[in-house]
């Protein structure tokens, strides 16, 4: 039955290989069940409910990817947009977390529309590679600042804006240790390096009495505090449009880049151009559907995980790999007490290491062309320094269009870039925060 459903023989794989690949993928992305509740709970959302919503959104997204697209790609709430949700939309702009969930839902509808109509292909083709790379690198720098702040390594300083924290504090020391453990294990190709780092720091913290132990297993907590709490009416204000714009842009670039990258490694994009591939179209539809489901459950945007490449490396070639990931995320709901025992300084090194991985995107930028490199650097710098992914995107797109125009190279700018830049100009002109 499984062979018929997933085409195992046709893809040159077996049930055993797919199961191992699914377990491998899960171990490399399971850190999100600890990190996501830690980030979203700063908005006032119930931490236990977010934990369950994270597990359910990941399970549902991965299952849709498995059954509809038949691709070996795990899904879960994405890093970057969860920080945008918590620290920008709610923290800076003053929207409630219910309204922010409404924005996630609307962005999912827009993404679904873009994928179904083919506009997504036009948008992807129209945004320069340097800007796409800068967005990923900038989000990485933003996550890095959040991680260092949560660890107490970087603190507020009235004289210099930011300064060094007290590195003799337990939290800072354990965060540093956790980062070293994660980096070393990942360099040694140990599966689940980030997850192991989080758990090691948590165990040490509990052992020395720095944090409390809440247990390991229990029945899943109630999801009621976040389920169906999205406020669609409340978010339909003029000030929310650039929030949705940023969510859609990041979702489109992140999902498309991840899906194409992982699928190529799995040999699933060999029958023609990536943008016309039937499997990719289905995968993107699955991605956008998962965003809608996640917002209803009570979490930020769900997306495809680049960590799925580890499962592909282990032999995963079909949706059975993603289905195994889905089942494991469902089982993870029973570990709520353990998730509640994880202190912020245990997830901080995970955030910091993910940041390091994302910043590697800088290598894709054409540094010899200042009309490409300057807007890219500005995009990345403005994200952590204004504590906003939205501001980074705005400065980047506007500067890209302006510099190209002023150097007589305006024709090189695709219409999609002009439109996005114009939308951000309108935002600054009429919707000042």
Protein backbone atom coordinates (compact mmCIF):
# COMPACT_ATOMS: atom_id res chain seq x y z
CA UNK A 1 0.00 0.00 0.00
CA UNK A 2 2.80 2.41 0.92
CA UNK A 3 4.62 1.58 -2.30
CA UNK A 4 1.52 2.45 -4.33
CA UNK A 5 0.79 5.64 -2.38
CA UNK A 6 4.32 7.08 -2.43
CA UNK A 7 5.90 5.32 -5.41
CA UNK A 8 8.76 3.89 -3.36
CA UNK A 9 9.99 1.48 -6.03
CA UNK A 10 9.83 4.12 -8.74
CA UNK A 11 11.96 6.43 -6.60
CA UNK A 12 14.45 3.67 -5.78
CA UNK A 13 13.78 3.65 -2.06
CA UNK A 14 12.19 1.46 0.63
CA UNK A 15 10.02 1.81 3.74
CA UNK A 16 13.04 1.29 6.01
CA UNK A 17 15.08 3.97 4.23
CA UNK A 18 12.20 6.45 4.31
CA UNK A 19 11.57 5.87 8.03
CA UNK A 20 15.24 6.41 8.85
CA UNK A 21 15.24 9.56 6.70
CA UNK A 22 12.12 10.82 8.49
CA UNK A 23 13.67 10.28 11.91
CA UNK A 24 16.84 12.04 10.76
CA UNK A 25 14.91 15.07 9.49
CA UNK A 26 12.85 15.26 12.69
CA UNK A 27 15.92 15.22 14.92
CA UNK A 28 17.48 18.11 12.99
CA UNK A 29 14.36 20.32 13.17
CA UNK A 30 12.84 19.28 16.52
CA UNK A 31 14.50 22.25 18.24
CA UNK A 32 11.58 24.37 16.99
CA UNK A 33 9.22 22.81 19.56
CA UNK A 34 11.34 24.46 22.28
CA UNK A 35 12.34 27.67 20.49
CA UNK A 36 8.98 28.69 19.00
CA UNK A 37 7.01 28.73 22.30
CA UNK A 38 9.91 30.63 23.89
CA UNK A 39 9.69 33.37 21.24
CA UNK A 40 5.92 33.65 20.84
CA UNK A 41 5.19 33.58 24.57
CA UNK A 42 6.73 37.07 24.93
CA UNK A 43 3.58 38.37 23.21
CA UNK A 44 1.40 37.07 26.02
CA UNK A 45 0.42 33.86 24.24
CA UNK A 46 0.08 30.81 26.45
CA UNK A 47 3.39 28.94 26.23
CA UNK A 48 1.88 25.45 26.57
CA UNK A 49 -0.78 26.17 23.96
CA UNK A 50 1.88 27.48 21.55
CA UNK A 51 3.88 24.30 22.17
CA UNK A 52 0.91 22.17 21.11
CA UNK A 53 0.11 24.48 18.19
CA UNK A 54 3.72 24.23 17.02
CA UNK A 55 3.63 20.43 17.10
CA UNK A 56 0.24 20.26 15.37
CA UNK A 57 1.16 22.83 12.70
CA UNK A 58 4.39 20.94 11.98
CA UNK A 59 2.58 17.60 11.85
CA UNK A 60 -0.23 18.89 9.66
CA UNK A 61 2.12 20.76 7.32
CA UNK A 62 4.43 17.77 6.94
CA UNK A 63 1.46 15.44 6.35
CA UNK A 64 0.07 17.72 3.63
CA UNK A 65 3.51 17.85 2.03
CA UNK A 66 3.68 14.03 2.19
CA UNK A 67 0.27 13.22 0.79
CA UNK A 68 -0.29 16.08 -1.66
CA UNK A 69 3.22 16.76 -3.00
CA UNK A 70 4.90 13.42 -2.17
CA UNK A 71 8.13 15.23 -1.31
CA UNK A 72 10.49 14.32 1.59
CA UNK A 73 10.29 17.73 3.21
CA UNK A 74 9.37 18.48 6.82
CA UNK A 75 7.47 21.61 7.76
CA UNK A 76 7.13 23.67 10.95
CA UNK A 77 6.77 27.30 12.08
CA UNK A 78 9.64 29.18 10.47
CA UNK A 79 12.54 30.87 12.20
CA UNK A 80 12.62 34.58 11.42
CA UNK A 81 8.93 35.11 10.90
CA UNK A 82 8.24 33.97 14.46
CA UNK A 83 10.62 36.71 15.63
CA UNK A 84 8.96 39.21 13.27
CA UNK A 85 5.57 38.17 14.68
CA UNK A 86 6.66 38.60 18.31
CA UNK A 87 9.11 41.48 18.35
CA UNK A 88 7.95 43.66 15.44
CA UNK A 89 4.24 43.11 14.81
CA UNK A 90 3.29 42.79 18.49
CA UNK A 91 6.27 44.29 20.32
CA UNK A 92 6.92 47.39 18.16
CA UNK A 93 3.78 48.03 16.17
CA UNK A 94 1.46 47.36 19.08
CA UNK A 95 -0.89 44.85 17.46
CA UNK A 96 -2.32 42.13 19.67
CA UNK A 97 -1.13 38.58 19.10
CA UNK A 98 -4.67 37.74 17.93
CA UNK A 99 -4.37 40.40 15.22
CA UNK A 100 -0.91 39.10 14.32
CA UNK A 101 -2.42 35.62 13.82
CA UNK A 102 -5.00 37.26 11.55
CA UNK A 103 -2.15 38.78 9.52
CA UNK A 104 -0.55 35.33 9.22
CA UNK A 105 -3.86 33.94 7.95
CA UNK A 106 -4.21 36.70 5.35
CA UNK A 107 -0.59 36.24 4.24
CA UNK A 108 -1.35 32.53 3.78
CA UNK A 109 -4.32 33.38 1.57
CA UNK A 110 -2.15 35.74 -0.50
CA UNK A 111 0.60 33.09 -0.79
CA UNK A 112 -2.00 30.52 -1.86
CA UNK A 113 -3.31 32.93 -4.50
CA UNK A 114 0.19 33.72 -5.77
CA UNK A 115 1.06 30.02 -6.01
CA UNK A 116 -2.22 29.06 -7.70
CA UNK A 117 -2.08 31.82 -10.32
CA UNK A 118 1.61 31.65 -11.16
CA UNK A 119 2.29 35.19 -9.97
CA UNK A 120 4.77 33.68 -7.51
CA UNK A 121 6.99 32.66 -10.43
CA UNK A 122 6.92 36.22 -11.75
CA UNK A 123 7.70 37.61 -8.30
CA UNK A 124 10.61 35.25 -7.72
CA UNK A 125 12.03 36.01 -11.17
CA UNK A 126 11.74 39.73 -10.52
CA UNK A 127 13.55 39.99 -7.20
CA UNK A 128 17.35 40.11 -7.65
CA UNK A 129 19.46 37.31 -6.19
CA UNK A 130 21.44 39.76 -4.07
CA UNK A 131 18.28 40.95 -2.32
CA UNK A 132 17.03 37.42 -1.72
CA UNK A 133 20.36 36.50 -0.15
CA UNK A 134 20.40 39.70 1.90
CA UNK A 135 16.94 38.97 3.30
CA UNK A 136 18.05 35.57 4.59
CA UNK A 137 21.34 36.95 5.97
CA UNK A 138 19.59 39.91 7.59
CA UNK A 139 17.04 37.68 9.30
CA UNK A 140 19.99 35.66 10.56
CA UNK A 141 21.59 38.79 12.04
CA UNK A 142 18.25 39.72 13.63
CA UNK A 143 17.95 36.26 15.20
CA UNK A 144 21.55 36.56 16.39
CA UNK A 145 20.80 39.80 18.24
CA UNK A 146 17.71 38.24 19.84
CA UNK A 147 19.75 35.22 20.90
CA UNK A 148 22.55 37.30 22.45
CA UNK A 149 19.97 39.44 24.26
CA UNK A 150 18.10 36.40 25.62
CA UNK A 151 21.38 34.94 26.83
CA UNK A 152 22.32 38.15 28.64
CA UNK A 153 25.47 38.49 26.55
CA UNK A 154 24.31 41.73 24.90
CA UNK A 155 22.48 44.27 27.08
CA UNK A 156 21.12 47.79 26.86
CA UNK A 157 23.67 50.56 27.43
CA UNK A 158 22.52 54.21 27.48
CA UNK A 159 25.98 55.47 26.54
CA UNK A 160 26.69 53.15 23.60
CA UNK A 161 23.19 51.82 22.76
CA UNK A 162 24.31 48.23 23.38
CA UNK A 163 27.01 46.72 25.55
CA UNK A 164 28.45 43.51 26.95
CA UNK A 165 26.46 41.75 29.65
CA UNK A 166 27.79 40.04 32.75
CA UNK A 167 29.49 36.91 31.43
CA UNK A 168 29.84 35.51 34.95
CA UNK A 169 26.08 34.94 35.14
CA UNK A 170 24.89 31.35 34.87
CA UNK A 171 22.62 32.05 31.89
CA UNK A 172 25.34 33.67 29.81
CA UNK A 173 27.88 30.94 30.61
CA UNK A 174 25.47 28.12 29.78
CA UNK A 175 24.41 29.84 26.55
CA UNK A 176 28.05 30.10 25.47
CA UNK A 177 28.62 26.45 26.37
CA UNK A 178 25.50 25.45 24.44
CA UNK A 179 26.67 27.28 21.34
CA UNK A 180 30.06 25.55 21.44
CA UNK A 181 28.38 22.16 21.86
CA UNK A 182 26.00 22.74 18.93
CA UNK A 183 28.73 24.05 16.62
CA UNK A 184 31.08 21.19 17.47
CA UNK A 185 28.45 18.48 17.07
CA UNK A 186 27.24 19.92 13.77
CA UNK A 187 30.82 20.12 12.50
CA UNK A 188 31.20 16.45 13.43
CA UNK A 189 28.02 15.65 11.43
CA UNK A 190 26.06 14.54 14.49
CA UNK A 191 22.34 14.37 13.74
CA UNK A 192 20.20 16.59 15.92
CA UNK A 193 23.11 18.76 17.05
CA UNK A 194 20.89 21.75 17.86
CA UNK A 195 18.39 19.63 19.79
CA UNK A 196 21.20 17.96 21.76
CA UNK A 197 22.67 21.36 22.64
CA UNK A 198 19.34 22.61 23.99
CA UNK A 199 18.82 19.49 26.08
CA UNK A 200 22.37 19.45 27.47
CA UNK A 201 22.12 23.07 28.65
CA UNK A 202 18.68 22.35 30.14
CA UNK A 203 19.95 19.32 32.06
CA UNK A 204 22.96 21.23 33.40
CA UNK A 205 20.74 24.15 34.39
CA UNK A 206 18.38 21.88 36.30
CA UNK A 207 21.26 19.95 37.88
CA UNK A 208 22.84 23.10 39.36
CA UNK A 209 19.50 24.48 40.49
CA UNK A 210 19.41 27.39 38.05
CA UNK A 211 16.01 26.34 36.66
CA UNK A 212 13.17 24.09 37.73
CA UNK A 213 12.37 20.62 36.39
CA UNK A 214 8.75 20.22 35.34
CA UNK A 215 8.89 16.58 34.27
CA UNK A 216 9.22 14.82 30.92
CA UNK A 217 5.95 13.23 29.85
CA UNK A 218 2.29 14.13 30.27
CA UNK A 219 -0.91 14.36 28.29
CA UNK A 220 -0.74 17.28 25.83
CA UNK A 221 -1.80 20.64 27.32
CA UNK A 222 -4.93 22.38 26.05
CA UNK A 223 -4.63 24.30 22.80
CA UNK A 224 -7.77 26.31 23.62
CA UNK A 225 -5.90 29.53 24.60
CA UNK A 226 -4.62 29.95 21.01
CA UNK A 227 -6.97 27.82 18.87
CA UNK A 228 -9.20 29.91 16.59
CA UNK A 229 -8.11 33.09 18.37
CA UNK A 230 -7.06 34.94 15.24
CA UNK A 231 -8.63 38.38 14.96
CA UNK A 232 -9.40 39.00 11.29
CA UNK A 233 -11.59 42.05 11.83
CA UNK A 234 -9.10 43.72 14.17
CA UNK A 235 -6.18 43.38 11.76
CA UNK A 236 -8.00 44.96 8.81
CA UNK A 237 -6.44 48.37 9.38
CA UNK A 238 -4.35 50.52 7.05
CA UNK A 239 -1.27 49.97 9.18
CA UNK A 240 -1.23 46.21 8.73
CA UNK A 241 -0.62 46.10 4.96
CA UNK A 242 3.18 46.30 5.17
CA UNK A 243 3.16 43.55 7.83
CA UNK A 244 1.37 41.25 5.39
CA UNK A 245 3.69 42.38 2.58
CA UNK A 246 6.77 41.41 4.60
CA UNK A 247 5.23 38.07 5.64
CA UNK A 248 4.36 37.18 2.05
CA UNK A 249 7.78 38.18 0.68
CA UNK A 250 9.67 36.17 3.29
CA UNK A 251 7.30 33.20 2.96
CA UNK A 252 7.64 33.13 -0.82
CA UNK A 253 11.44 33.46 -0.89
CA UNK A 254 12.04 31.14 2.06
CA UNK A 255 9.69 28.40 0.88
CA UNK A 256 10.72 28.51 -2.78
CA UNK A 257 14.44 28.56 -2.00
CA UNK A 258 14.19 25.70 0.48
CA UNK A 259 11.93 23.54 -1.66
CA UNK A 260 14.06 23.94 -4.80
CA UNK A 261 17.31 23.38 -2.90
CA UNK A 262 16.20 20.23 -1.11
CA UNK A 263 14.31 18.83 -4.10
CA UNK A 264 17.36 19.19 -6.34
CA UNK A 265 19.44 17.22 -3.84
CA UNK A 266 16.76 14.53 -3.89
CA UNK A 267 16.71 14.46 -7.70
CA UNK A 268 13.08 15.57 -7.84
CA UNK A 269 13.55 18.53 -10.21
CA UNK A 270 15.04 16.81 -13.24
CA UNK A 271 12.15 16.97 -15.71
CA UNK A 272 12.36 20.62 -16.66
CA UNK A 273 12.67 24.16 -15.33
CA UNK A 274 12.02 24.43 -11.60
CA UNK A 275 9.29 27.03 -11.99
CA UNK A 276 7.16 24.75 -14.19
CA UNK A 277 7.67 21.60 -12.13
CA UNK A 278 4.37 20.03 -11.05
CA UNK A 279 5.87 18.74 -7.80
CA UNK A 280 7.15 22.19 -6.84
CA UNK A 281 3.75 23.76 -7.52
CA UNK A 282 2.07 21.19 -5.29
CA UNK A 283 4.72 21.65 -2.61
CA UNK A 284 4.15 25.41 -2.59
CA UNK A 285 0.40 24.88 -2.37
CA UNK A 286 1.01 22.59 0.58
CA UNK A 287 3.21 25.25 2.17
CA UNK A 288 0.59 27.99 1.84
CA UNK A 289 -2.15 25.68 3.14
CA UNK A 290 -0.02 24.91 6.19
CA UNK A 291 0.33 28.64 6.89
CA UNK A 292 -3.46 28.96 7.03
CA UNK A 293 -3.78 25.95 9.32
CA UNK A 294 -1.00 27.20 11.61
CA UNK A 295 -2.67 30.57 12.10
CA UNK A 296 -5.91 28.84 13.11
CA UNK A 297 -4.05 26.60 15.56
CA UNK A 298 -2.19 29.56 17.03
CA UNK A 299 1.34 29.90 15.65
CA UNK A 300 3.34 32.04 13.25
CA UNK A 301 3.91 31.14 9.59
CA UNK A 302 4.66 27.49 8.83
CA UNK A 303 7.26 26.79 6.15
CA UNK A 304 9.46 24.11 4.61
CA UNK A 305 12.62 23.38 6.59
CA UNK A 306 16.04 23.35 4.97
CA UNK A 307 17.00 20.75 7.60
CA UNK A 308 15.03 18.32 5.43
CA UNK A 309 18.25 18.03 3.41
CA UNK A 310 19.58 15.81 6.20
CA UNK A 311 16.78 13.33 5.56
CA UNK A 312 17.44 13.44 1.83
CA UNK A 313 21.09 12.73 2.58
CA UNK A 314 19.91 9.69 4.56
CA UNK A 315 18.03 8.41 1.50
CA UNK A 316 14.59 10.05 1.75
CA UNK A 317 13.00 10.48 -1.68
CA UNK A 318 9.22 10.44 -1.16
CA UNK A 319 6.46 11.83 0.99
CA UNK A 320 6.77 8.87 3.35
CA UNK A 321 9.77 10.65 4.88
CA UNK A 322 7.60 13.72 5.56
CA UNK A 323 4.81 11.50 6.94
CA UNK A 324 7.24 10.02 9.47
CA UNK A 325 8.18 13.57 10.48
CA UNK A 326 4.48 14.36 10.94
CA UNK A 327 3.94 11.35 13.21
CA UNK A 328 6.98 12.22 15.33
CA UNK A 329 5.74 15.79 15.81
CA UNK A 330 2.42 14.39 17.02
CA UNK A 331 4.25 12.20 19.54
CA UNK A 332 6.28 15.24 20.64
CA UNK A 333 3.12 16.81 22.10
CA UNK A 334 3.45 14.43 25.05
CA UNK A 335 6.76 16.09 26.03
CA UNK A 336 5.17 19.39 27.11
CA UNK A 337 6.63 19.29 30.67
CA UNK A 338 10.13 18.95 29.20
CA UNK A 339 9.51 21.89 26.88
CA UNK A 340 8.35 23.95 29.85
CA UNK A 341 11.58 23.15 31.68
CA UNK A 342 13.78 24.65 28.94
CA UNK A 343 15.06 28.10 30.00
CA UNK A 344 15.53 30.97 27.53
CA UNK A 345 19.32 30.70 27.73
CA UNK A 346 19.07 27.09 26.53
CA UNK A 347 17.27 28.06 23.33
CA UNK A 348 19.49 31.14 22.83
CA UNK A 349 22.48 29.14 21.52
CA UNK A 350 20.16 27.35 19.08
CA UNK A 351 18.95 30.72 17.78
CA UNK A 352 22.52 31.98 17.54
CA UNK A 353 23.68 28.94 15.59
CA UNK A 354 20.74 29.15 13.18
CA UNK A 355 21.74 32.81 12.73
CA UNK A 356 25.28 31.75 11.81
CA UNK A 357 23.91 29.37 9.18
CA UNK A 358 21.64 32.01 7.67
CA UNK A 359 24.34 34.67 7.44
CA UNK A 360 26.23 32.40 5.04
CA UNK A 361 23.84 33.69 2.37
CA UNK A 362 26.12 36.72 2.06
CA UNK A 363 28.39 34.65 -0.19
CA UNK A 364 25.75 34.76 -2.95
CA UNK A 365 26.00 38.57 -3.25
CA UNK A 366 27.93 40.12 -6.13
CA UNK A 367 30.38 42.19 -4.07
CA UNK A 368 32.12 43.69 -7.12
CA UNK A 369 28.93 45.52 -8.15
CA UNK A 370 28.11 48.23 -5.61
CA UNK A 371 24.60 48.67 -7.03
CA UNK A 372 23.95 45.09 -5.89
CA UNK A 373 26.08 44.89 -2.73
CA UNK A 374 25.19 48.23 -1.09
CA UNK A 375 21.40 47.62 -0.98
CA UNK A 376 22.03 44.06 0.17
CA UNK A 377 24.22 45.15 3.09
CA UNK A 378 21.75 47.90 3.99
CA UNK A 379 18.93 45.33 4.03
CA UNK A 380 20.83 43.08 6.41
CA UNK A 381 22.09 45.85 8.70
CA UNK A 382 18.73 47.54 9.18
CA UNK A 383 17.03 44.38 10.43
CA UNK A 384 18.94 44.01 13.72
CA UNK A 385 19.66 47.74 14.17
CA UNK A 386 15.99 48.74 13.88
CA UNK A 387 14.83 45.46 15.44
CA UNK A 388 12.55 44.93 12.45
CA UNK A 389 12.64 42.66 9.40
CA UNK A 390 10.12 45.01 7.78
CA UNK A 391 12.44 48.01 8.01
CA UNK A 392 15.30 46.00 6.55
CA UNK A 393 13.23 44.98 3.56
CA UNK A 394 11.98 48.53 3.09
CA UNK A 395 15.43 50.15 3.12
CA UNK A 396 16.79 47.40 0.89
CA UNK A 397 14.20 47.54 -1.87
CA UNK A 398 14.01 51.34 -1.92
CA UNK A 399 17.81 51.72 -2.02
CA UNK A 400 18.15 49.04 -4.71
CA UNK A 401 15.72 50.82 -7.02
CA UNK A 402 17.14 54.28 -6.22
CA UNK A 403 20.81 53.37 -6.74
CA UNK A 404 20.07 51.56 -10.01
CA UNK A 405 18.09 54.56 -11.22
CA UNK A 406 20.76 57.11 -10.22
CA UNK A 407 23.51 55.14 -11.94
CA UNK A 408 21.57 54.97 -15.20
CA UNK A 409 20.76 51.29 -14.80
CA UNK A 410 17.08 51.61 -14.01
CA UNK A 411 16.18 49.24 -16.84
CA UNK A 412 17.88 46.42 -14.94
CA UNK A 413 15.25 46.66 -12.21
CA UNK A 414 12.35 44.25 -12.71
CA UNK A 415 8.79 45.57 -12.42
CA UNK A 416 8.25 43.40 -9.32
CA UNK A 417 11.09 45.19 -7.51
CA UNK A 418 9.73 48.60 -8.51
CA UNK A 419 6.29 47.66 -7.16
CA UNK A 420 7.66 46.39 -3.83
CA UNK A 421 9.87 49.48 -3.47
CA UNK A 422 6.90 51.76 -4.23
CA UNK A 423 4.76 49.99 -1.62
CA UNK A 424 7.42 50.56 1.01
CA UNK A 425 7.72 54.26 0.04
CA UNK A 426 3.97 54.59 0.51
CA UNK A 427 4.30 52.89 3.87
CA UNK A 428 6.92 55.40 5.07
CA UNK A 429 5.03 58.35 3.62
CA UNK A 430 1.59 57.62 4.99
CA UNK A 431 1.83 54.93 7.66
CA UNK A 432 4.65 56.04 9.94
CA UNK A 433 4.90 53.89 13.04
